[in-house]
């Protein structure tokens, strides 16, 4: 049986948050352009893999990027915060169009 491909418009819901997918792709591109010799690691497991950060960026600093889309539960941040703060020198939370740094 042949599989049918679905073409998806930006922002269309797939069970995944398409906004987050687009932000992840764009952020990865920007980080690689800004520091070509750096390492960009998507979905890095932390704290014995109990927590994941959306993007880890290894350059002159160890930075983490957590992207919260329209379907994310912000209550998870309480649990994630401990792992993030003990791992990264710099952490950025992206909430769709807003960017909050800590």
C-alpha atoms as a PDB file:
ATOM      1  CA  UNK A   1       0.000   0.000   0.000  1.00  0.00           C
ATOM      2  CA  UNK A   2       1.419   3.376  -0.994  1.00  0.00           C
ATOM      3  CA  UNK A   3       1.740   6.010   1.693  1.00  0.00           C
ATOM      4  CA  UNK A   4       0.127   9.351   1.056  1.00  0.00           C
ATOM      5  CA  UNK A   5       2.114  12.486   1.773  1.00  0.00           C
ATOM      6  CA  UNK A   6       0.504  15.423   3.473  1.00  0.00           C
ATOM      7  CA  UNK A   7       1.637  18.938   2.758  1.00  0.00           C
ATOM      8  CA  UNK A   8       1.364  21.201   5.753  1.00  0.00           C
ATOM      9  CA  UNK A   9       1.018  24.945   5.820  1.00  0.00           C
ATOM     10  CA  UNK A  10       3.073  26.848   8.434  1.00  0.00           C
ATOM     11  CA  UNK A  11       1.230  26.809  11.737  1.00  0.00           C
ATOM     12  CA  UNK A  12      -1.071  23.921  10.787  1.00  0.00           C
ATOM     13  CA  UNK A  13      -1.589  21.439  13.616  1.00  0.00           C
ATOM     14  CA  UNK A  14      -0.210  17.921  13.183  1.00  0.00           C
ATOM     15  CA  UNK A  15      -0.386  16.635  16.714  1.00  0.00           C
ATOM     16  CA  UNK A  16       2.944  18.422  17.044  1.00  0.00           C
ATOM     17  CA  UNK A  17       3.120  22.163  17.401  1.00  0.00           C
ATOM     18  CA  UNK A  18       4.127  23.376  13.941  1.00  0.00           C
ATOM     19  CA  UNK A  19       5.136  26.742  15.437  1.00  0.00           C
ATOM     20  CA  UNK A  20       7.723  24.992  17.609  1.00  0.00           C
ATOM     21  CA  UNK A  21       9.057  23.036  14.636  1.00  0.00           C
ATOM     22  CA  UNK A  22       9.529  26.246  12.652  1.00  0.00           C
ATOM     23  CA  UNK A  23      11.139  28.087  15.568  1.00  0.00           C
ATOM     24  CA  UNK A  24      13.509  25.159  16.169  1.00  0.00           C
ATOM     25  CA  UNK A  25      14.593  25.065  12.530  1.00  0.00           C
ATOM     26  CA  UNK A  26      15.124  28.824  12.355  1.00  0.00           C
ATOM     27  CA  UNK A  27      16.981  29.002  15.678  1.00  0.00           C
ATOM     28  CA  UNK A  28      19.262  26.133  14.623  1.00  0.00           C
ATOM     29  CA  UNK A  29      20.046  27.950  11.363  1.00  0.00           C
ATOM     30  CA  UNK A  30      20.756  31.241  13.167  1.00  0.00           C
ATOM     31  CA  UNK A  31      23.046  29.603  15.750  1.00  0.00           C
ATOM     32  CA  UNK A  32      25.040  27.755  13.086  1.00  0.00           C
ATOM     33  CA  UNK A  33      25.443  30.924  11.016  1.00  0.00           C
ATOM     34  CA  UNK A  34      26.434  33.027  14.024  1.00  0.00           C
ATOM     35  CA  UNK A  35      29.105  30.605  15.275  1.00  0.00           C
ATOM     36  CA  UNK A  36      29.985  28.168  12.461  1.00  0.00           C
ATOM     37  CA  UNK A  37      32.391  26.081  14.581  1.00  0.00           C
ATOM     38  CA  UNK A  38      29.875  25.606  17.389  1.00  0.00           C
ATOM     39  CA  UNK A  39      27.845  22.512  18.165  1.00  0.00           C
ATOM     40  CA  UNK A  40      24.035  22.609  18.065  1.00  0.00           C
ATOM     41  CA  UNK A  41      22.381  19.636  19.774  1.00  0.00           C
ATOM     42  CA  UNK A  42      18.611  19.197  19.408  1.00  0.00           C
ATOM     43  CA  UNK A  43      16.568  17.479  22.139  1.00  0.00           C
ATOM     44  CA  UNK A  44      19.442  16.961  24.572  1.00  0.00           C
ATOM     45  CA  UNK A  45      18.511  14.721  27.502  1.00  0.00           C
ATOM     46  CA  UNK A  46      19.470  15.987  30.961  1.00  0.00           C
ATOM     47  CA  UNK A  47      19.152  14.671  34.520  1.00  0.00           C
ATOM     48  CA  UNK A  48      19.298  11.027  33.531  1.00  0.00           C
ATOM     49  CA  UNK A  49      17.088  11.749  30.513  1.00  0.00           C
ATOM     50  CA  UNK A  50      14.174  12.776  32.716  1.00  0.00           C
ATOM     51  CA  UNK A  51      14.313  16.281  31.207  1.00  0.00           C
ATOM     52  CA  UNK A  52      15.103  17.461  27.687  1.00  0.00           C
ATOM     53  CA  UNK A  53      16.142  20.858  26.423  1.00  0.00           C
ATOM     54  CA  UNK A  54      14.975  21.693  22.904  1.00  0.00           C
ATOM     55  CA  UNK A  55      18.372  22.984  21.744  1.00  0.00           C
ATOM     56  CA  UNK A  56      21.768  22.986  23.437  1.00  0.00           C
ATOM     57  CA  UNK A  57      24.395  25.284  21.928  1.00  0.00           C
ATOM     58  CA  UNK A  58      28.053  24.629  22.696  1.00  0.00           C
ATOM     59  CA  UNK A  59      30.319  27.557  21.818  1.00  0.00           C
ATOM     60  CA  UNK A  60      32.294  29.814  24.163  1.00  0.00           C
ATOM     61  CA  UNK A  61      29.376  29.279  26.575  1.00  0.00           C
ATOM     62  CA  UNK A  62      27.013  26.373  27.153  1.00  0.00           C
ATOM     63  CA  UNK A  63      23.579  27.720  26.296  1.00  0.00           C
ATOM     64  CA  UNK A  64      20.175  26.095  26.363  1.00  0.00           C
ATOM     65  CA  UNK A  65      17.019  27.024  24.473  1.00  0.00           C
ATOM     66  CA  UNK A  66      13.591  25.833  25.536  1.00  0.00           C
ATOM     67  CA  UNK A  67      10.743  26.494  23.117  1.00  0.00           C
ATOM     68  CA  UNK A  68       7.191  26.570  24.468  1.00  0.00           C
ATOM     69  CA  UNK A  69       4.476  26.437  21.850  1.00  0.00           C
ATOM     70  CA  UNK A  70       0.751  26.969  22.071  1.00  0.00           C
ATOM     71  CA  UNK A  71       0.205  23.339  23.129  1.00  0.00           C
ATOM     72  CA  UNK A  72       2.887  23.233  25.848  1.00  0.00           C
ATOM     73  CA  UNK A  73       2.178  22.972  29.544  1.00  0.00           C
ATOM     74  CA  UNK A  74       4.152  25.693  31.318  1.00  0.00           C
ATOM     75  CA  UNK A  75       3.883  23.835  34.636  1.00  0.00           C
ATOM     76  CA  UNK A  76       6.661  21.504  33.411  1.00  0.00           C
ATOM     77  CA  UNK A  77       9.077  24.432  33.692  1.00  0.00           C
ATOM     78  CA  UNK A  78       9.179  24.022  37.466  1.00  0.00           C
ATOM     79  CA  UNK A  79      10.683  20.548  37.048  1.00  0.00           C
ATOM     80  CA  UNK A  80      12.858  21.523  34.075  1.00  0.00           C
ATOM     81  CA  UNK A  81      14.306  24.604  35.775  1.00  0.00           C
ATOM     82  CA  UNK A  82      16.458  22.573  38.170  1.00  0.00           C
ATOM     83  CA  UNK A  83      18.109  20.564  35.384  1.00  0.00           C
ATOM     84  CA  UNK A  84      18.504  23.606  33.153  1.00  0.00           C
ATOM     85  CA  UNK A  85      20.108  25.795  35.800  1.00  0.00           C
ATOM     86  CA  UNK A  86      22.558  23.095  36.878  1.00  0.00           C
ATOM     87  CA  UNK A  87      23.636  22.433  33.269  1.00  0.00           C
ATOM     88  CA  UNK A  88      23.669  25.665  31.290  1.00  0.00           C
ATOM     89  CA  UNK A  89      25.540  28.926  31.776  1.00  0.00           C
ATOM     90  CA  UNK A  90      22.804  30.706  29.878  1.00  0.00           C
ATOM     91  CA  UNK A  91      19.192  29.671  29.306  1.00  0.00           C
ATOM     92  CA  UNK A  92      16.654  31.197  26.920  1.00  0.00           C
ATOM     93  CA  UNK A  93      12.944  30.478  26.969  1.00  0.00           C
ATOM     94  CA  UNK A  94      11.140  31.114  23.709  1.00  0.00           C
ATOM     95  CA  UNK A  95       7.374  31.315  23.920  1.00  0.00           C
ATOM     96  CA  UNK A  96       6.301  31.407  20.281  1.00  0.00           C
ATOM     97  CA  UNK A  97       6.810  35.076  19.382  1.00  0.00           C
ATOM     98  CA  UNK A  98       8.209  36.188  22.739  1.00  0.00           C
ATOM     99  CA  UNK A  99      11.768  35.597  23.882  1.00  0.00           C
ATOM    100  CA  UNK A 100      12.651  35.623  27.590  1.00  0.00           C
ATOM    101  CA  UNK A 101      16.267  35.247  28.743  1.00  0.00           C
ATOM    102  CA  UNK A 102      17.501  34.286  32.175  1.00  0.00           C
END
